[in-house]
N, C-alpha and C. Protein backbone atom coordinates (compact mmCIF):
# COMPACT_ATOMS: atom_id res chain seq x y z
N UNK A 1 1.59 7.40 -39.01
CA UNK A 1 0.78 8.27 -38.19
C UNK A 1 -0.64 7.73 -38.20
N UNK A 2 -1.29 7.84 -37.03
CA UNK A 2 -2.68 7.44 -36.97
C UNK A 2 -3.46 8.41 -36.10
N UNK A 3 -4.73 8.56 -36.42
CA UNK A 3 -5.64 9.37 -35.63
C UNK A 3 -6.73 8.43 -35.15
N UNK A 4 -6.89 8.35 -33.84
CA UNK A 4 -7.93 7.48 -33.29
C UNK A 4 -8.70 8.26 -32.23
N UNK A 5 -9.86 7.75 -31.90
CA UNK A 5 -10.69 8.33 -30.87
C UNK A 5 -10.70 7.37 -29.69
N UNK A 6 -10.81 7.89 -28.49
CA UNK A 6 -10.82 7.07 -27.28
C UNK A 6 -11.81 5.92 -27.39
N UNK A 7 -12.98 6.18 -27.94
CA UNK A 7 -14.01 5.14 -28.04
C UNK A 7 -13.62 4.01 -28.99
N UNK A 8 -12.59 4.21 -29.81
CA UNK A 8 -12.12 3.15 -30.71
C UNK A 8 -11.21 2.16 -30.00
N UNK A 9 -10.73 2.52 -28.82
CA UNK A 9 -9.84 1.64 -28.06
C UNK A 9 -10.66 0.61 -27.29
N UNK A 10 -10.10 -0.59 -27.09
CA UNK A 10 -10.82 -1.59 -26.28
C UNK A 10 -11.04 -1.06 -24.86
N UNK A 11 -12.22 -1.35 -24.30
CA UNK A 11 -12.51 -0.99 -22.91
C UNK A 11 -12.59 -2.27 -22.12
N UNK A 12 -11.68 -2.42 -21.15
CA UNK A 12 -11.61 -3.63 -20.34
C UNK A 12 -11.66 -3.23 -18.87
N UNK A 13 -12.62 -3.77 -18.13
CA UNK A 13 -12.73 -3.46 -16.70
C UNK A 13 -13.13 -2.02 -16.45
N UNK A 14 -12.14 -1.16 -16.25
CA UNK A 14 -12.40 0.25 -15.96
C UNK A 14 -11.53 1.16 -16.82
N UNK A 15 -10.93 0.60 -17.90
CA UNK A 15 -9.97 1.39 -18.69
C UNK A 15 -10.08 1.15 -20.18
N UNK A 16 -9.88 2.22 -20.94
CA UNK A 16 -9.60 2.07 -22.36
C UNK A 16 -8.12 1.70 -22.45
N UNK A 17 -7.79 0.81 -23.35
CA UNK A 17 -6.42 0.32 -23.46
C UNK A 17 -5.77 0.77 -24.77
N UNK A 18 -4.74 1.60 -24.63
CA UNK A 18 -3.94 2.02 -25.77
C UNK A 18 -2.72 1.11 -25.79
N UNK A 19 -2.67 0.18 -26.73
CA UNK A 19 -1.56 -0.77 -26.83
C UNK A 19 -0.60 -0.24 -27.89
N UNK A 20 0.57 0.16 -27.46
CA UNK A 20 1.53 0.80 -28.34
C UNK A 20 1.89 0.02 -29.59
N UNK A 21 2.13 -1.29 -29.44
CA UNK A 21 2.54 -2.05 -30.62
C UNK A 21 1.45 -2.09 -31.68
N UNK A 22 0.20 -1.96 -31.28
CA UNK A 22 -0.91 -1.91 -32.23
C UNK A 22 -0.98 -0.56 -32.94
N UNK A 23 -0.56 0.49 -32.23
CA UNK A 23 -0.67 1.85 -32.74
C UNK A 23 0.65 2.40 -33.29
N UNK A 24 1.71 1.58 -33.31
CA UNK A 24 3.00 2.04 -33.80
C UNK A 24 3.74 2.95 -32.84
N UNK A 25 3.52 2.75 -31.54
CA UNK A 25 4.15 3.58 -30.51
C UNK A 25 4.98 2.69 -29.57
N UNK A 26 6.04 3.25 -28.97
CA UNK A 26 6.90 2.46 -28.08
C UNK A 26 6.40 2.40 -26.63
N UNK A 27 5.21 2.91 -26.36
CA UNK A 27 4.64 2.88 -25.01
C UNK A 27 3.16 2.50 -25.10
N UNK A 28 2.59 2.14 -23.95
CA UNK A 28 1.17 1.80 -23.86
C UNK A 28 0.55 2.62 -22.74
N UNK A 29 -0.78 2.67 -22.68
CA UNK A 29 -1.44 3.43 -21.62
C UNK A 29 -2.82 2.89 -21.32
N UNK A 30 -3.14 2.90 -20.03
CA UNK A 30 -4.52 2.68 -19.60
C UNK A 30 -5.13 4.06 -19.39
N UNK A 31 -6.28 4.31 -19.98
CA UNK A 31 -7.02 5.54 -19.73
C UNK A 31 -8.16 5.12 -18.81
N UNK A 32 -7.97 5.39 -17.52
CA UNK A 32 -8.82 4.86 -16.46
C UNK A 32 -10.02 5.75 -16.21
N UNK A 33 -11.19 5.12 -16.05
CA UNK A 33 -12.41 5.76 -15.58
C UNK A 33 -12.96 4.84 -14.50
N UNK A 34 -12.57 5.10 -13.24
CA UNK A 34 -12.92 4.21 -12.14
C UNK A 34 -14.00 4.81 -11.25
N UNK A 35 -14.99 4.00 -10.91
CA UNK A 35 -16.03 4.40 -9.98
C UNK A 35 -15.46 4.36 -8.55
N UNK A 36 -16.11 5.04 -7.61
CA UNK A 36 -15.65 4.97 -6.22
C UNK A 36 -15.50 3.51 -5.77
N UNK A 37 -14.37 3.23 -5.15
CA UNK A 37 -14.09 1.88 -4.67
C UNK A 37 -13.40 0.99 -5.69
N UNK A 38 -13.45 1.34 -6.97
CA UNK A 38 -12.79 0.53 -7.99
C UNK A 38 -11.29 0.80 -7.99
N UNK A 39 -10.53 -0.22 -8.36
CA UNK A 39 -9.09 -0.05 -8.44
C UNK A 39 -8.42 -1.29 -8.97
N UNK A 40 -7.11 -1.23 -9.00
CA UNK A 40 -6.30 -2.35 -9.50
C UNK A 40 -5.75 -3.14 -8.32
N UNK A 41 -5.60 -4.46 -8.48
CA UNK A 41 -5.00 -5.26 -7.42
C UNK A 41 -3.50 -4.98 -7.34
N UNK A 42 -2.88 -5.43 -6.28
CA UNK A 42 -1.43 -5.30 -6.15
C UNK A 42 -0.77 -6.06 -7.30
N UNK A 43 0.14 -5.38 -8.01
CA UNK A 43 0.78 -5.98 -9.17
C UNK A 43 2.11 -5.28 -9.44
N UNK A 44 2.83 -5.75 -10.45
CA UNK A 44 4.08 -5.10 -10.86
C UNK A 44 4.27 -5.28 -12.36
N UNK A 45 5.16 -4.46 -12.92
CA UNK A 45 5.51 -4.50 -14.33
C UNK A 45 7.03 -4.51 -14.46
N UNK A 46 7.58 -5.06 -15.54
CA UNK A 46 9.03 -5.07 -15.73
C UNK A 46 9.57 -3.76 -16.32
N UNK A 47 8.77 -2.71 -16.30
CA UNK A 47 9.14 -1.42 -16.86
C UNK A 47 8.54 -0.32 -15.98
N UNK A 48 8.99 0.90 -16.17
CA UNK A 48 8.47 2.05 -15.43
C UNK A 48 7.03 2.34 -15.87
N UNK A 49 6.22 2.77 -14.92
CA UNK A 49 4.86 3.25 -15.19
C UNK A 49 4.73 4.64 -14.56
N UNK A 50 4.04 5.54 -15.25
CA UNK A 50 3.77 6.87 -14.71
C UNK A 50 2.26 7.06 -14.71
N UNK A 51 1.71 7.35 -13.53
CA UNK A 51 0.27 7.53 -13.37
C UNK A 51 -0.03 9.02 -13.21
N UNK A 52 -0.86 9.54 -14.11
CA UNK A 52 -1.29 10.94 -14.09
C UNK A 52 -2.74 10.97 -13.62
N UNK A 53 -3.00 11.56 -12.47
CA UNK A 53 -4.36 11.69 -11.99
C UNK A 53 -4.96 12.96 -12.59
N UNK A 54 -6.00 12.80 -13.37
CA UNK A 54 -6.61 13.90 -14.10
C UNK A 54 -7.81 14.48 -13.34
N UNK A 55 -8.58 13.60 -12.72
CA UNK A 55 -9.81 14.02 -12.04
C UNK A 55 -10.09 13.06 -10.89
N UNK A 56 -10.57 13.57 -9.77
CA UNK A 56 -10.90 12.73 -8.63
C UNK A 56 -9.70 12.52 -7.73
N UNK A 57 -9.77 11.45 -6.94
CA UNK A 57 -8.67 11.13 -6.04
C UNK A 57 -8.52 9.63 -5.91
N UNK A 58 -7.29 9.23 -5.64
CA UNK A 58 -6.97 7.81 -5.51
C UNK A 58 -6.01 7.60 -4.35
N UNK A 59 -6.13 6.46 -3.74
CA UNK A 59 -5.13 6.03 -2.79
C UNK A 59 -4.20 5.10 -3.57
N UNK A 60 -2.93 5.49 -3.65
CA UNK A 60 -1.96 4.74 -4.44
C UNK A 60 -0.87 4.21 -3.52
N UNK A 61 -0.61 2.92 -3.63
CA UNK A 61 0.47 2.28 -2.89
C UNK A 61 1.58 1.93 -3.88
N UNK A 62 2.80 2.34 -3.57
CA UNK A 62 3.98 2.01 -4.36
C UNK A 62 5.01 1.47 -3.38
N UNK A 63 5.32 0.18 -3.50
CA UNK A 63 6.22 -0.43 -2.53
C UNK A 63 5.60 -0.38 -1.15
N UNK A 64 6.32 0.21 -0.18
CA UNK A 64 5.84 0.30 1.20
C UNK A 64 5.14 1.62 1.50
N UNK A 65 4.98 2.48 0.52
CA UNK A 65 4.41 3.81 0.75
C UNK A 65 3.02 3.93 0.14
N UNK A 66 2.08 4.48 0.92
CA UNK A 66 0.72 4.71 0.46
C UNK A 66 0.41 6.19 0.62
N UNK A 67 -0.13 6.79 -0.45
CA UNK A 67 -0.48 8.21 -0.41
C UNK A 67 -1.81 8.45 -1.10
N UNK A 68 -2.45 9.53 -0.68
CA UNK A 68 -3.65 10.02 -1.36
C UNK A 68 -3.17 10.95 -2.47
N UNK A 69 -3.63 10.70 -3.69
CA UNK A 69 -3.23 11.51 -4.84
C UNK A 69 -4.49 12.13 -5.44
N UNK A 70 -4.46 13.43 -5.63
CA UNK A 70 -5.61 14.15 -6.18
C UNK A 70 -5.30 14.62 -7.59
N UNK A 71 -6.31 15.17 -8.27
CA UNK A 71 -6.14 15.68 -9.62
C UNK A 71 -4.89 16.56 -9.70
N UNK A 72 -4.09 16.31 -10.72
CA UNK A 72 -2.83 17.03 -10.90
C UNK A 72 -1.64 16.26 -10.36
N UNK A 73 -1.88 15.21 -9.59
CA UNK A 73 -0.80 14.41 -9.03
C UNK A 73 -0.21 13.46 -10.06
N UNK A 74 1.10 13.28 -9.98
CA UNK A 74 1.82 12.38 -10.89
C UNK A 74 2.65 11.43 -10.03
N UNK A 75 2.55 10.14 -10.31
CA UNK A 75 3.30 9.14 -9.56
C UNK A 75 4.18 8.36 -10.53
N UNK A 76 5.48 8.31 -10.26
CA UNK A 76 6.42 7.53 -11.06
C UNK A 76 6.67 6.22 -10.31
N UNK A 77 6.35 5.11 -10.96
CA UNK A 77 6.45 3.79 -10.34
C UNK A 77 7.61 3.05 -10.98
N UNK A 78 8.68 2.79 -10.20
CA UNK A 78 9.86 2.11 -10.77
C UNK A 78 9.54 0.69 -11.25
N UNK A 79 10.28 0.24 -12.23
CA UNK A 79 10.13 -1.11 -12.77
C UNK A 79 10.24 -2.13 -11.64
N UNK A 80 9.37 -3.14 -11.67
CA UNK A 80 9.43 -4.23 -10.72
C UNK A 80 8.86 -3.93 -9.34
N UNK A 81 8.38 -2.72 -9.10
CA UNK A 81 7.88 -2.33 -7.78
C UNK A 81 6.39 -2.67 -7.64
N UNK A 82 6.03 -3.42 -6.60
CA UNK A 82 4.61 -3.72 -6.38
C UNK A 82 3.83 -2.42 -6.14
N UNK A 83 2.65 -2.32 -6.75
CA UNK A 83 1.82 -1.13 -6.59
C UNK A 83 0.36 -1.46 -6.85
N UNK A 84 -0.49 -0.54 -6.42
CA UNK A 84 -1.93 -0.66 -6.64
C UNK A 84 -2.56 0.70 -6.45
N UNK A 85 -3.80 0.85 -6.90
CA UNK A 85 -4.55 2.07 -6.63
C UNK A 85 -6.02 1.72 -6.46
N UNK A 86 -6.71 2.60 -5.76
CA UNK A 86 -8.16 2.48 -5.61
C UNK A 86 -8.74 3.89 -5.61
N UNK A 87 -9.89 4.05 -6.25
CA UNK A 87 -10.59 5.32 -6.23
C UNK A 87 -11.11 5.51 -4.81
N UNK A 88 -10.50 6.42 -4.08
CA UNK A 88 -10.87 6.64 -2.68
C UNK A 88 -11.79 7.84 -2.51
N UNK A 89 -12.24 8.41 -3.62
CA UNK A 89 -13.15 9.55 -3.55
C UNK A 89 -14.59 9.11 -3.73
N UNK A 90 -15.47 10.09 -3.83
CA UNK A 90 -16.89 9.78 -4.03
C UNK A 90 -17.37 10.20 -5.41
N UNK A 91 -16.40 10.47 -6.31
CA UNK A 91 -16.71 10.79 -7.71
C UNK A 91 -15.84 9.90 -8.60
N UNK A 92 -16.03 10.01 -9.90
CA UNK A 92 -15.24 9.24 -10.86
C UNK A 92 -13.76 9.63 -10.77
N UNK A 93 -12.90 8.64 -10.87
CA UNK A 93 -11.45 8.85 -10.95
C UNK A 93 -11.05 8.71 -12.42
N UNK A 94 -10.41 9.73 -12.94
CA UNK A 94 -9.86 9.67 -14.29
C UNK A 94 -8.35 9.76 -14.15
N UNK A 95 -7.71 8.79 -14.76
CA UNK A 95 -6.27 8.65 -14.61
C UNK A 95 -5.71 8.12 -15.92
N UNK A 96 -4.52 8.55 -16.28
CA UNK A 96 -3.83 8.00 -17.44
C UNK A 96 -2.55 7.36 -16.92
N UNK A 97 -2.43 6.06 -17.12
CA UNK A 97 -1.28 5.29 -16.65
C UNK A 97 -0.44 4.90 -17.86
N UNK A 98 0.71 5.55 -18.00
CA UNK A 98 1.59 5.32 -19.15
C UNK A 98 2.61 4.24 -18.79
N UNK A 99 2.68 3.23 -19.63
CA UNK A 99 3.59 2.10 -19.43
C UNK A 99 4.73 2.19 -20.44
N UNK A 100 5.95 2.07 -19.96
CA UNK A 100 7.13 2.21 -20.81
C UNK A 100 7.40 0.92 -21.58
N UNK A 101 6.41 0.45 -22.30
CA UNK A 101 6.54 -0.74 -23.11
C UNK A 101 5.48 -0.74 -24.20
N UNK A 102 5.74 -1.38 -25.31
CA UNK A 102 4.79 -1.39 -26.42
C UNK A 102 3.56 -2.26 -26.19
N UNK A 103 3.56 -3.06 -25.11
CA UNK A 103 2.40 -3.86 -24.73
C UNK A 103 2.40 -4.00 -23.22
N UNK A 104 1.26 -4.32 -22.66
CA UNK A 104 1.13 -4.46 -21.21
C UNK A 104 1.72 -5.80 -20.75
N UNK A 105 2.55 -5.72 -19.73
CA UNK A 105 3.08 -6.92 -19.07
C UNK A 105 2.83 -6.71 -17.58
N UNK A 106 1.92 -7.51 -17.00
CA UNK A 106 1.54 -7.31 -15.61
C UNK A 106 1.53 -8.64 -14.89
N UNK A 107 2.12 -8.64 -13.70
CA UNK A 107 2.09 -9.79 -12.81
C UNK A 107 1.30 -9.42 -11.58
N UNK A 108 0.13 -10.02 -11.39
CA UNK A 108 -0.66 -9.75 -10.18
C UNK A 108 -0.04 -10.49 -9.01
N UNK A 109 -0.05 -9.84 -7.86
CA UNK A 109 0.59 -10.42 -6.66
C UNK A 109 -0.44 -10.82 -5.63
């Protein structure tokens, strides 16, 4: 068991990174704090990802579908499916992206 604070996690780009294998967990997560216009490039993972929008709004593309997702929205992204998101609002986007793997594996497209 471990107790950590968000500020103890590495901050890369626009996210704190919770790496499961470092913390003894079977999953990983990006805790996103994105400014308006910030987002991730089109990419895919070999495992399922679930994106929880906590605050703000994002335009999220999964495969051939693009939707506006607001606070409270949850997106399940199947393994191997190209996807991306961008903060499409005018305030901070807070999102938690849970990856079904003990470390991040990402292929940018």
